[in-house]
Amino acid sequence: YDDMQTIAKHIKDRRVVIVNFEEMPQDIAQRMVDFLSGAVFALDGVPKKVSGATFVFSSSQVDLEGNIMGDEGFAKSNASANGNDFPAFNFFKK
């Protein structure tokens, strides 16, 4: 949890943070994704899922392009293509 505050500080300082939650229990990883998503949301950013348990967190000052995973787990070229500018990520979805 101490790491989450450090990561949130990096996001606040307008740095891009990539976090892989693969080795964590799902319930703890979900809490951390929720916490970091809130930090990103406060800076008008949108968290992006790039693979199974890997996420990119950044402020609105960063424009990311490429194959970003959508809510359904399929690659999309634009994370808000589904009309949801602040998607909720759920590790329990396949």
C-alpha atoms as a PDB file:
ATOM      1  CA  TYR A   1       0.000   0.000   0.000  1.00  0.00           C
ATOM      2  CA  ASP A   2       2.950   2.329   0.558  1.00  0.00           C
ATOM      3  CA  ASP A   3       3.870   1.749  -3.077  1.00  0.00           C
ATOM      4  CA  MET A   4       0.431   2.932  -4.160  1.00  0.00           C
ATOM      5  CA  GLN A   5       1.010   6.342  -2.566  1.00  0.00           C
ATOM      6  CA  THR A   6       4.375   6.597  -4.310  1.00  0.00           C
ATOM      7  CA  ILE A   7       2.803   5.620  -7.629  1.00  0.00           C
ATOM      8  CA  ALA A   8      -0.013   8.147  -7.100  1.00  0.00           C
ATOM      9  CA  LYS A   9       2.617  10.840  -6.470  1.00  0.00           C
ATOM     10  CA  HIS A  10       4.281   9.983  -9.788  1.00  0.00           C
ATOM     11  CA  ILE A  11       0.907  10.292 -11.539  1.00  0.00           C
ATOM     12  CA  LYS A  12       0.312  13.621  -9.790  1.00  0.00           C
ATOM     13  CA  ASP A  13       3.728  14.772 -11.058  1.00  0.00           C
ATOM     14  CA  ARG A  14       2.481  14.042 -14.612  1.00  0.00           C
ATOM     15  CA  ARG A  15       4.547  10.885 -15.107  1.00  0.00           C
ATOM     16  CA  VAL A  16       3.267   7.816 -16.909  1.00  0.00           C
ATOM     17  CA  VAL A  17       3.143   4.747 -14.659  1.00  0.00           C
ATOM     18  CA  ILE A  18       2.858   1.167 -15.887  1.00  0.00           C
ATOM     19  CA  VAL A  19       1.885  -1.357 -13.220  1.00  0.00           C
ATOM     20  CA  ASN A  20       1.697  -5.133 -13.537  1.00  0.00           C
ATOM     21  CA  PHE A  21      -0.575  -6.651 -10.885  1.00  0.00           C
ATOM     22  CA  GLU A  22      -0.103 -10.225 -12.111  1.00  0.00           C
ATOM     23  CA  GLU A  23       1.634 -11.569  -8.991  1.00  0.00           C
ATOM     24  CA  MET A  24      -0.920 -10.104  -6.547  1.00  0.00           C
ATOM     25  CA  PRO A  25      -4.065 -11.656  -5.158  1.00  0.00           C
ATOM     26  CA  GLN A  26      -7.039 -10.425  -7.195  1.00  0.00           C
ATOM     27  CA  ASP A  27      -8.813  -8.702  -4.304  1.00  0.00           C
ATOM     28  CA  ILE A  28      -5.748  -6.617  -3.402  1.00  0.00           C
ATOM     29  CA  ALA A  29      -4.977  -5.864  -7.047  1.00  0.00           C
ATOM     30  CA  GLN A  30      -8.579  -4.700  -7.580  1.00  0.00           C
ATOM     31  CA  ARG A  31      -8.327  -2.306  -4.609  1.00  0.00           C
ATOM     32  CA  MET A  32      -5.076  -0.896  -5.958  1.00  0.00           C
ATOM     33  CA  VAL A  33      -6.478  -0.457  -9.462  1.00  0.00           C
ATOM     34  CA  ASP A  34      -9.460   1.357  -7.928  1.00  0.00           C
ATOM     35  CA  PHE A  35      -7.178   3.622  -5.872  1.00  0.00           C
ATOM     36  CA  LEU A  36      -4.904   4.498  -8.801  1.00  0.00           C
ATOM     37  CA  SER A  37      -7.886   4.950 -11.119  1.00  0.00           C
ATOM     38  CA  GLY A  38      -9.230   7.525  -8.650  1.00  0.00           C
ATOM     39  CA  ALA A  39      -5.897   9.349  -8.695  1.00  0.00           C
ATOM     40  CA  VAL A  40      -5.921   9.392 -12.498  1.00  0.00           C
ATOM     41  CA  PHE A  41      -9.550  10.508 -12.580  1.00  0.00           C
ATOM     42  CA  ALA A  42      -8.728  13.450 -10.273  1.00  0.00           C
ATOM     43  CA  LEU A  43      -6.208  14.596 -12.911  1.00  0.00           C
ATOM     44  CA  ASP A  44      -8.743  14.210 -15.748  1.00  0.00           C
ATOM     45  CA  GLY A  45      -6.955  11.147 -17.061  1.00  0.00           C
ATOM     46  CA  VAL A  46      -8.219   7.698 -17.960  1.00  0.00           C
ATOM     47  CA  PRO A  47      -6.576   4.477 -16.780  1.00  0.00           C
ATOM     48  CA  LYS A  48      -5.848   2.050 -19.586  1.00  0.00           C
ATOM     49  CA  LYS A  49      -5.557  -1.717 -19.456  1.00  0.00           C
ATOM     50  CA  VAL A  50      -2.790  -2.878 -21.781  1.00  0.00           C
ATOM     51  CA  SER A  51      -2.923  -6.607 -21.054  1.00  0.00           C
ATOM     52  CA  GLY A  52      -4.364  -9.086 -18.561  1.00  0.00           C
ATOM     53  CA  ALA A  53      -3.156  -7.472 -15.325  1.00  0.00           C
ATOM     54  CA  THR A  54      -1.037  -4.597 -16.650  1.00  0.00           C
ATOM     55  CA  PHE A  55      -2.328  -1.038 -16.583  1.00  0.00           C
ATOM     56  CA  VAL A  56      -1.088   2.366 -17.690  1.00  0.00           C
ATOM     57  CA  PHE A  57      -1.971   5.248 -15.381  1.00  0.00           C
ATOM     58  CA  SER A  58      -1.397   8.826 -16.538  1.00  0.00           C
ATOM     59  CA  SER A  59      -2.859  12.297 -16.282  1.00  0.00           C
ATOM     60  CA  SER A  60      -4.731  14.038 -19.077  1.00  0.00           C
ATOM     61  CA  GLN A  61      -1.422  15.624 -20.120  1.00  0.00           C
ATOM     62  CA  VAL A  62      -0.407  12.325 -21.750  1.00  0.00           C
ATOM     63  CA  ASP A  63      -1.879  11.096 -25.024  1.00  0.00           C
ATOM     64  CA  LEU A  64      -1.479   7.351 -25.510  1.00  0.00           C
ATOM     65  CA  GLU A  65      -2.155   5.569 -28.778  1.00  0.00           C
ATOM     66  CA  GLY A  66      -1.873   1.991 -29.902  1.00  0.00           C
ATOM     67  CA  ASN A  67      -3.560  -1.259 -29.015  1.00  0.00           C
ATOM     68  CA  ILE A  68      -5.046  -0.567 -25.613  1.00  0.00           C
ATOM     69  CA  MET A  69      -7.234  -3.259 -24.055  1.00  0.00           C
ATOM     70  CA  GLY A  70     -10.894  -2.368 -23.639  1.00  0.00           C
ATOM     71  CA  ASP A  71     -13.255  -3.397 -20.841  1.00  0.00           C
ATOM     72  CA  GLU A  72     -13.937  -6.662 -22.611  1.00  0.00           C
ATOM     73  CA  GLY A  73     -10.222  -7.509 -22.875  1.00  0.00           C
ATOM     74  CA  PHE A  74     -10.014  -6.894 -26.635  1.00  0.00           C
ATOM     75  CA  ALA A  75      -7.503  -4.471 -28.111  1.00  0.00           C
ATOM     76  CA  LYS A  76      -8.933  -1.131 -29.184  1.00  0.00           C
ATOM     77  CA  SER A  77      -7.177   1.782 -30.806  1.00  0.00           C
ATOM     78  CA  ASN A  78      -9.091   4.243 -28.627  1.00  0.00           C
ATOM     79  CA  ALA A  79      -9.965   3.481 -24.991  1.00  0.00           C
ATOM     80  CA  SER A  80     -13.092   5.662 -25.071  1.00  0.00           C
ATOM     81  CA  ALA A  81     -14.400   4.104 -28.293  1.00  0.00           C
ATOM     82  CA  ASN A  82     -17.066   2.338 -26.257  1.00  0.00           C
ATOM     83  CA  GLY A  83     -18.451   5.687 -25.095  1.00  0.00           C
ATOM     84  CA  ASN A  84     -17.220   5.219 -21.551  1.00  0.00           C
ATOM     85  CA  ASP A  85     -14.549   7.803 -20.736  1.00  0.00           C
ATOM     86  CA  PHE A  86     -13.818   6.273 -17.307  1.00  0.00           C
ATOM     87  CA  PRO A  87     -14.044   2.514 -17.593  1.00  0.00           C
ATOM     88  CA  ALA A  88     -14.171   0.351 -14.489  1.00  0.00           C
ATOM     89  CA  PHE A  89     -11.687  -2.475 -14.601  1.00  0.00           C
ATOM     90  CA  ASN A  90     -12.591  -5.790 -13.121  1.00  0.00           C
ATOM     91  CA  PHE A  91     -10.018  -8.546 -12.784  1.00  0.00           C
ATOM     92  CA  PHE A  92     -12.790 -11.127 -12.597  1.00  0.00           C
ATOM     93  CA  LYS A  93     -13.852 -10.490 -16.198  1.00  0.00           C
ATOM     94  CA  LYS A  94     -12.104 -12.691 -18.731  1.00  0.00           C
END
